[in-house]
All heavy atoms as atom14 arrays in JSON, in Angstrom:
{
  "sequence": "IVEGDKVFRTGKTAGIPVSDAIIGRVVDALGEPIDG",
  "atom14_mask": [
    [1, 1, 1, 1, 1, 1, 1, 1, 0, 0, 0, 0, 0, 0],
    [1, 1, 1, 1, 1, 1, 1, 0, 0, 0, 0, 0, 0, 0],
    [1, 1, 1, 1, 1, 1, 1, 1, 1, 0, 0, 0, 0, 0],
    [1, 1, 1, 1, 0, 0, 0, 0, 0, 0, 0, 0, 0, 0],
    [1, 1, 1, 1, 1, 1, 1, 1, 0, 0, 0, 0, 0, 0],
    [1, 1, 1, 1, 1, 1, 1, 1, 1, 0, 0, 0, 0, 0],
    [1, 1, 1, 1, 1, 1, 1, 0, 0, 0, 0, 0, 0, 0],
    [1, 1, 1, 1, 1, 1, 1, 1, 1, 1, 1, 0, 0, 0],
    [1, 1, 1, 1, 1, 1, 1, 1, 1, 1, 1, 0, 0, 0],
    [1, 1, 1, 1, 1, 1, 1, 0, 0, 0, 0, 0, 0, 0],
    [1, 1, 1, 1, 0, 0, 0, 0, 0, 0, 0, 0, 0, 0],
    [1, 1, 1, 1, 1, 1, 1, 1, 1, 0, 0, 0, 0, 0],
    [1, 1, 1, 1, 1, 1, 1, 0, 0, 0, 0, 0, 0, 0],
    [1, 1, 1, 1, 1, 0, 0, 0, 0, 0, 0, 0, 0, 0],
    [1, 1, 1, 1, 0, 0, 0, 0, 0, 0, 0, 0, 0, 0],
    [1, 1, 1, 1, 1, 1, 1, 1, 0, 0, 0, 0, 0, 0],
    [1, 1, 1, 1, 1, 1, 1, 0, 0, 0, 0, 0, 0, 0],
    [1, 1, 1, 1, 1, 1, 1, 0, 0, 0, 0, 0, 0, 0],
    [1, 1, 1, 1, 1, 1, 0, 0, 0, 0, 0, 0, 0, 0],
    [1, 1, 1, 1, 1, 1, 1, 1, 0, 0, 0, 0, 0, 0],
    [1, 1, 1, 1, 1, 0, 0, 0, 0, 0, 0, 0, 0, 0],
    [1, 1, 1, 1, 1, 1, 1, 1, 0, 0, 0, 0, 0, 0],
    [1, 1, 1, 1, 1, 1, 1, 1, 0, 0, 0, 0, 0, 0],
    [1, 1, 1, 1, 0, 0, 0, 0, 0, 0, 0, 0, 0, 0],
    [1, 1, 1, 1, 1, 1, 1, 1, 1, 1, 1, 0, 0, 0],
    [1, 1, 1, 1, 1, 1, 1, 0, 0, 0, 0, 0, 0, 0],
    [1, 1, 1, 1, 1, 1, 1, 0, 0, 0, 0, 0, 0, 0],
    [1, 1, 1, 1, 1, 1, 1, 1, 0, 0, 0, 0, 0, 0],
    [1, 1, 1, 1, 1, 0, 0, 0, 0, 0, 0, 0, 0, 0],
    [1, 1, 1, 1, 1, 1, 1, 1, 0, 0, 0, 0, 0, 0],
    [1, 1, 1, 1, 0, 0, 0, 0, 0, 0, 0, 0, 0, 0],
    [1, 1, 1, 1, 1, 1, 1, 1, 1, 0, 0, 0, 0, 0],
    [1, 1, 1, 1, 1, 1, 1, 0, 0, 0, 0, 0, 0, 0],
    [1, 1, 1, 1, 1, 1, 1, 1, 0, 0, 0, 0, 0, 0],
    [1, 1, 1, 1, 1, 1, 1, 1, 0, 0, 0, 0, 0, 0],
    [1, 1, 1, 1, 0, 0, 0, 0, 0, 0, 0, 0, 0, 0]
  ],
  "atom14_positions": [
    [[29.73, -26.99, -48.2], [28.64, -26.92, -47.21], [27.47, -27.75, -47.72], [27.06, -27.63, -48.88], [28.19, -25.46, -46.99], [29.38, -24.6, -46.51], [27.06, -25.38, -45.96], [29.15, -23.11, -46.55], [0.0, 0.0, 0.0], [0.0, 0.0, 0.0], [0.0, 0.0, 0.0], [0.0, 0.0, 0.0], [0.0, 0.0, 0.0], [0.0, 0.0, 0.0]],
    [[26.93, -28.6, -46.85], [25.79, -29.44, -47.23], [24.66, -29.29, -46.22], [24.88, -28.8, -45.11], [26.2, -30.93, -47.35], [27.17, -31.16, -48.47], [26.77, -31.42, -46.01], [0.0, 0.0, 0.0], [0.0, 0.0, 0.0], [0.0, 0.0, 0.0], [0.0, 0.0, 0.0], [0.0, 0.0, 0.0], [0.0, 0.0, 0.0], [0.0, 0.0, 0.0]],
    [[23.48, -29.7, -46.61], [22.33, -29.66, -45.7], [22.63, -30.52, -44.48], [23.18, -31.62, -44.59], [21.08, -30.17, -46.4], [20.56, -29.23, -47.47], [19.37, -29.8, -48.24], [18.76, -30.74, -47.72], [19.08, -29.28, -49.34], [0.0, 0.0, 0.0], [0.0, 0.0, 0.0], [0.0, 0.0, 0.0], [0.0, 0.0, 0.0], [0.0, 0.0, 0.0]],
    [[22.29, -30.01, -43.31], [22.54, -30.73, -42.06], [23.81, -30.28, -41.34], [24.04, -30.64, -40.19], [0.0, 0.0, 0.0], [0.0, 0.0, 0.0], [0.0, 0.0, 0.0], [0.0, 0.0, 0.0], [0.0, 0.0, 0.0], [0.0, 0.0, 0.0], [0.0, 0.0, 0.0], [0.0, 0.0, 0.0], [0.0, 0.0, 0.0], [0.0, 0.0, 0.0]],
    [[24.66, -29.5, -42.03], [25.88, -28.97, -41.38], [25.49, -28.05, -40.25], [24.46, -27.37, -40.27], [26.74, -28.19, -42.37], [27.58, -29.13, -43.22], [27.51, -30.35, -43.04], [28.34, -28.61, -44.07], [0.0, 0.0, 0.0], [0.0, 0.0, 0.0], [0.0, 0.0, 0.0], [0.0, 0.0, 0.0], [0.0, 0.0, 0.0], [0.0, 0.0, 0.0]],
    [[26.38, -28.01, -39.23], [26.14, -27.11, -38.1], [26.65, -25.69, -38.41], [27.61, -25.51, -39.15], [26.83, -27.64, -36.83], [26.22, -28.89, -36.26], [26.96, -29.31, -35.01], [26.32, -30.58, -34.45], [27.04, -31.06, -33.25], [0.0, 0.0, 0.0], [0.0, 0.0, 0.0], [0.0, 0.0, 0.0], [0.0, 0.0, 0.0], [0.0, 0.0, 0.0]],
    [[25.96, -24.7, -37.82], [26.34, -23.29, -37.98], [26.38, -22.66, -36.6], [25.52, -22.94, -35.77], [25.32, -22.54, -38.85], [25.83, -21.15, -39.21], [24.99, -23.29, -40.1], [0.0, 0.0, 0.0], [0.0, 0.0, 0.0], [0.0, 0.0, 0.0], [0.0, 0.0, 0.0], [0.0, 0.0, 0.0], [0.0, 0.0, 0.0], [0.0, 0.0, 0.0]],
    [[27.37, -21.81, -36.34], [27.53, -21.22, -35.02], [27.49, -19.67, -35.09], [27.99, -19.07, -36.05], [28.87, -21.65, -34.41], [29.07, -23.14, -34.42], [29.88, -23.73, -35.38], [28.42, -23.94, -33.49], [30.06, -25.1, -35.38], [28.6, -25.29, -33.47], [29.41, -25.88, -34.44], [0.0, 0.0, 0.0], [0.0, 0.0, 0.0], [0.0, 0.0, 0.0]],
    [[26.9, -19.1, -34.05], [26.9, -17.63, -33.93], [28.29, -17.15, -33.47], [29.0, -17.82, -32.75], [25.88, -17.17, -32.91], [24.44, -17.2, -33.39], [23.54, -16.55, -32.36], [23.86, -15.14, -32.15], [23.36, -14.38, -31.19], [22.53, -14.91, -30.3], [23.69, -13.12, -31.09], [0.0, 0.0, 0.0], [0.0, 0.0, 0.0], [0.0, 0.0, 0.0]],
    [[28.64, -15.91, -33.88], [29.88, -15.29, -33.38], [29.58, -14.11, -32.46], [30.43, -13.71, -31.68], [30.75, -14.78, -34.56], [30.04, -13.72, -35.22], [31.09, -15.9, -35.53], [0.0, 0.0, 0.0], [0.0, 0.0, 0.0], [0.0, 0.0, 0.0], [0.0, 0.0, 0.0], [0.0, 0.0, 0.0], [0.0, 0.0, 0.0], [0.0, 0.0, 0.0]],
    [[28.38, -13.53, -32.61], [28.05, -12.34, -31.84], [28.67, -11.08, -32.38], [28.49, -10.0, -31.85], [0.0, 0.0, 0.0], [0.0, 0.0, 0.0], [0.0, 0.0, 0.0], [0.0, 0.0, 0.0], [0.0, 0.0, 0.0], [0.0, 0.0, 0.0], [0.0, 0.0, 0.0], [0.0, 0.0, 0.0], [0.0, 0.0, 0.0], [0.0, 0.0, 0.0]],
    [[29.42, -11.19, -33.51], [30.09, -10.03, -34.11], [29.37, -9.58, -35.38], [28.85, -10.41, -36.12], [31.54, -10.39, -34.5], [32.47, -10.61, -33.32], [33.87, -10.9, -33.85], [34.85, -11.13, -32.73], [36.2, -11.48, -33.23], [0.0, 0.0, 0.0], [0.0, 0.0, 0.0], [0.0, 0.0, 0.0], [0.0, 0.0, 0.0], [0.0, 0.0, 0.0]],
    [[29.36, -8.27, -35.61], [28.87, -7.76, -36.88], [30.03, -7.76, -37.87], [31.17, -7.83, -37.45], [28.31, -6.32, -36.75], [29.32, -5.51, -36.18], [27.08, -6.3, -35.88], [0.0, 0.0, 0.0], [0.0, 0.0, 0.0], [0.0, 0.0, 0.0], [0.0, 0.0, 0.0], [0.0, 0.0, 0.0], [0.0, 0.0, 0.0], [0.0, 0.0, 0.0]],
    [[29.71, -7.67, -39.16], [30.76, -7.68, -40.18], [31.67, -6.48, -40.0], [31.18, -5.35, -39.79], [30.14, -7.68, -41.57], [0.0, 0.0, 0.0], [0.0, 0.0, 0.0], [0.0, 0.0, 0.0], [0.0, 0.0, 0.0], [0.0, 0.0, 0.0], [0.0, 0.0, 0.0], [0.0, 0.0, 0.0], [0.0, 0.0, 0.0], [0.0, 0.0, 0.0]],
    [[32.95, -6.71, -40.08], [33.91, -5.6, -39.92], [35.15, -5.87, -40.78], [35.28, -6.91, -41.42], [0.0, 0.0, 0.0], [0.0, 0.0, 0.0], [0.0, 0.0, 0.0], [0.0, 0.0, 0.0], [0.0, 0.0, 0.0], [0.0, 0.0, 0.0], [0.0, 0.0, 0.0], [0.0, 0.0, 0.0], [0.0, 0.0, 0.0], [0.0, 0.0, 0.0]],
    [[36.06, -4.9, -40.75], [37.28, -5.02, -41.55], [38.48, -4.53, -40.74], [38.39, -3.52, -40.04], [37.12, -4.22, -42.89], [38.27, -4.51, -43.84], [36.95, -2.73, -42.65], [37.98, -4.09, -45.3], [0.0, 0.0, 0.0], [0.0, 0.0, 0.0], [0.0, 0.0, 0.0], [0.0, 0.0, 0.0], [0.0, 0.0, 0.0], [0.0, 0.0, 0.0]],
    [[39.6, -5.29, -40.79], [40.78, -4.81, -40.06], [41.42, -3.61, -40.76], [41.52, -3.6, -41.99], [41.72, -6.03, -40.11], [41.25, -6.85, -41.25], [39.81, -6.56, -41.45], [0.0, 0.0, 0.0], [0.0, 0.0, 0.0], [0.0, 0.0, 0.0], [0.0, 0.0, 0.0], [0.0, 0.0, 0.0], [0.0, 0.0, 0.0], [0.0, 0.0, 0.0]],
    [[41.81, -2.6, -39.98], [42.34, -1.37, -40.57], [43.62, -0.94, -39.85], [43.8, -1.2, -38.66], [41.32, -0.22, -40.5], [40.2, -0.4, -41.49], [40.75, -0.05, -39.1], [0.0, 0.0, 0.0], [0.0, 0.0, 0.0], [0.0, 0.0, 0.0], [0.0, 0.0, 0.0], [0.0, 0.0, 0.0], [0.0, 0.0, 0.0], [0.0, 0.0, 0.0]],
    [[44.51, -0.3, -40.61], [45.73, 0.28, -40.06], [46.43, 1.09, -41.12], [46.03, 1.03, -42.3], [46.7, -0.82, -39.55], [47.27, -1.49, -40.63], [0.0, 0.0, 0.0], [0.0, 0.0, 0.0], [0.0, 0.0, 0.0], [0.0, 0.0, 0.0], [0.0, 0.0, 0.0], [0.0, 0.0, 0.0], [0.0, 0.0, 0.0], [0.0, 0.0, 0.0]],
    [[47.45, 1.84, -40.76], [48.23, 2.61, -41.75], [48.89, 1.7, -42.75], [49.18, 2.12, -43.88], [49.3, 3.46, -41.03], [48.71, 4.69, -40.36], [47.69, 5.18, -40.87], [49.25, 5.15, -39.33], [0.0, 0.0, 0.0], [0.0, 0.0, 0.0], [0.0, 0.0, 0.0], [0.0, 0.0, 0.0], [0.0, 0.0, 0.0], [0.0, 0.0, 0.0]],
    [[49.14, 0.45, -42.37], [49.84, -0.5, -43.25], [49.01, -0.86, -44.48], [49.57, -1.43, -45.44], [50.22, -1.76, -42.45], [0.0, 0.0, 0.0], [0.0, 0.0, 0.0], [0.0, 0.0, 0.0], [0.0, 0.0, 0.0], [0.0, 0.0, 0.0], [0.0, 0.0, 0.0], [0.0, 0.0, 0.0], [0.0, 0.0, 0.0], [0.0, 0.0, 0.0]],
    [[47.73, -0.55, -44.48], [46.87, -0.91, -45.62], [47.09, 0.03, -46.81], [46.72, -0.29, -47.93], [45.38, -0.92, -45.17], [44.56, -1.83, -46.1], [44.79, 0.48, -45.1], [43.16, -2.11, -45.6], [0.0, 0.0, 0.0], [0.0, 0.0, 0.0], [0.0, 0.0, 0.0], [0.0, 0.0, 0.0], [0.0, 0.0, 0.0], [0.0, 0.0, 0.0]],
    [[47.71, 1.21, -46.56], [47.97, 2.14, -47.65], [48.97, 1.53, -48.64], [49.99, 0.97, -48.25], [48.53, 3.49, -47.12], [47.5, 4.17, -46.23], [48.91, 4.42, -48.25], [47.98, 5.41, -45.52], [0.0, 0.0, 0.0], [0.0, 0.0, 0.0], [0.0, 0.0, 0.0], [0.0, 0.0, 0.0], [0.0, 0.0, 0.0], [0.0, 0.0, 0.0]],
    [[48.63, 1.61, -49.94], [49.48, 1.04, -50.97], [49.17, -0.41, -51.27], [49.88, -1.02, -52.1], [0.0, 0.0, 0.0], [0.0, 0.0, 0.0], [0.0, 0.0, 0.0], [0.0, 0.0, 0.0], [0.0, 0.0, 0.0], [0.0, 0.0, 0.0], [0.0, 0.0, 0.0], [0.0, 0.0, 0.0], [0.0, 0.0, 0.0], [0.0, 0.0, 0.0]],
    [[48.13, -0.97, -50.65], [47.84, -2.4, -50.79], [46.54, -2.63, -51.57], [45.72, -1.71, -51.73], [47.71, -3.06, -49.43], [48.94, -2.95, -48.54], [50.15, -3.64, -49.14], [49.94, -5.06, -49.33], [50.19, -6.0, -48.38], [50.7, -5.63, -47.21], [49.98, -7.27, -48.64], [0.0, 0.0, 0.0], [0.0, 0.0, 0.0], [0.0, 0.0, 0.0]],
    [[46.39, -3.86, -52.06], [45.14, -4.3, -52.7], [44.54, -5.36, -51.82], [45.2, -6.37, -51.49], [45.43, -4.89, -54.1], [44.11, -5.25, -54.8], [46.2, -3.9, -54.97], [0.0, 0.0, 0.0], [0.0, 0.0, 0.0], [0.0, 0.0, 0.0], [0.0, 0.0, 0.0], [0.0, 0.0, 0.0], [0.0, 0.0, 0.0], [0.0, 0.0, 0.0]],
    [[43.32, -5.14, -51.38], [42.65, -6.08, -50.46], [41.3, -6.49, -51.05], [40.76, -5.81, -51.91], [42.45, -5.48, -49.04], [43.79, -5.17, -48.4], [41.58, -4.23, -49.09], [0.0, 0.0, 0.0], [0.0, 0.0, 0.0], [0.0, 0.0, 0.0], [0.0, 0.0, 0.0], [0.0, 0.0, 0.0], [0.0, 0.0, 0.0], [0.0, 0.0, 0.0]],
    [[40.76, -7.62, -50.51], [39.42, -7.99, -50.94], [38.39, -7.37, -49.98], [38.73, -6.56, -49.12], [39.26, -9.52, -50.98], [39.34, -10.2, -49.61], [39.37, -9.47, -48.59], [39.34, -11.43, -49.56], [0.0, 0.0, 0.0], [0.0, 0.0, 0.0], [0.0, 0.0, 0.0], [0.0, 0.0, 0.0], [0.0, 0.0, 0.0], [0.0, 0.0, 0.0]],
    [[37.1, -7.71, -50.17], [36.04, -7.05, -49.4], [36.09, -7.38, -47.91], [35.44, -6.69, -47.12], [34.68, -7.45, -50.0], [0.0, 0.0, 0.0], [0.0, 0.0, 0.0], [0.0, 0.0, 0.0], [0.0, 0.0, 0.0], [0.0, 0.0, 0.0], [0.0, 0.0, 0.0], [0.0, 0.0, 0.0], [0.0, 0.0, 0.0], [0.0, 0.0, 0.0]],
    [[36.87, -8.41, -47.54], [37.0, -8.74, -46.1], [38.28, -8.2, -45.5], [38.61, -8.48, -44.35], [36.94, -10.27, -45.93], [35.69, -10.98, -46.41], [35.83, -12.47, -46.31], [34.46, -10.51, -45.64], [0.0, 0.0, 0.0], [0.0, 0.0, 0.0], [0.0, 0.0, 0.0], [0.0, 0.0, 0.0], [0.0, 0.0, 0.0], [0.0, 0.0, 0.0]],
    [[39.05, -7.44, -46.3], [40.28, -6.84, -45.81], [41.49, -7.75, -45.95], [42.57, -7.4, -45.46], [0.0, 0.0, 0.0], [0.0, 0.0, 0.0], [0.0, 0.0, 0.0], [0.0, 0.0, 0.0], [0.0, 0.0, 0.0], [0.0, 0.0, 0.0], [0.0, 0.0, 0.0], [0.0, 0.0, 0.0], [0.0, 0.0, 0.0], [0.0, 0.0, 0.0]],
    [[41.32, -8.91, -46.61], [42.45, -9.84, -46.79], [43.3, -9.35, -47.97], [42.76, -9.06, -49.05], [41.92, -11.24, -47.09], [41.1, -11.84, -45.98], [41.93, -12.16, -44.75], [43.14, -12.48, -44.9], [41.38, -12.06, -43.63], [0.0, 0.0, 0.0], [0.0, 0.0, 0.0], [0.0, 0.0, 0.0], [0.0, 0.0, 0.0], [0.0, 0.0, 0.0]],
    [[44.64, -9.29, -47.82], [45.48, -8.82, -48.95], [45.46, -9.82, -50.1], [45.51, -11.01, -49.89], [46.88, -8.74, -48.32], [46.84, -9.6, -47.1], [45.42, -9.57, -46.62], [0.0, 0.0, 0.0], [0.0, 0.0, 0.0], [0.0, 0.0, 0.0], [0.0, 0.0, 0.0], [0.0, 0.0, 0.0], [0.0, 0.0, 0.0], [0.0, 0.0, 0.0]],
    [[45.38, -9.29, -51.32], [45.35, -10.15, -52.51], [46.43, -9.72, -53.51], [46.36, -10.05, -54.69], [43.97, -10.16, -53.19], [43.48, -8.71, -53.48], [42.95, -10.89, -52.35], [42.21, -8.64, -54.27], [0.0, 0.0, 0.0], [0.0, 0.0, 0.0], [0.0, 0.0, 0.0], [0.0, 0.0, 0.0], [0.0, 0.0, 0.0], [0.0, 0.0, 0.0]],
    [[47.41, -8.98, -53.03], [48.47, -8.49, -53.92], [49.79, -9.25, -53.75], [50.82, -8.88, -54.33], [48.73, -6.98, -53.7], [48.99, -6.64, -52.25], [49.11, -7.56, -51.4], [49.07, -5.42, -51.93], [0.0, 0.0, 0.0], [0.0, 0.0, 0.0], [0.0, 0.0, 0.0], [0.0, 0.0, 0.0], [0.0, 0.0, 0.0], [0.0, 0.0, 0.0]],
    [[49.77, -10.3, -52.9], [50.96, -11.11, -52.74], [52.1, -10.46, -51.96], [53.26, -10.9, -52.06], [0.0, 0.0, 0.0], [0.0, 0.0, 0.0], [0.0, 0.0, 0.0], [0.0, 0.0, 0.0], [0.0, 0.0, 0.0], [0.0, 0.0, 0.0], [0.0, 0.0, 0.0], [0.0, 0.0, 0.0], [0.0, 0.0, 0.0], [0.0, 0.0, 0.0]]
  ]
}
């Protein structure tokens, strides 16, 4: 990212995807799996 780059609104607040499938997993702070 450099000065002058464009930035766009999403209208969404920060959130995390959830489901029963997440049990037993290792995820990062955004809910992305990091356990391969």
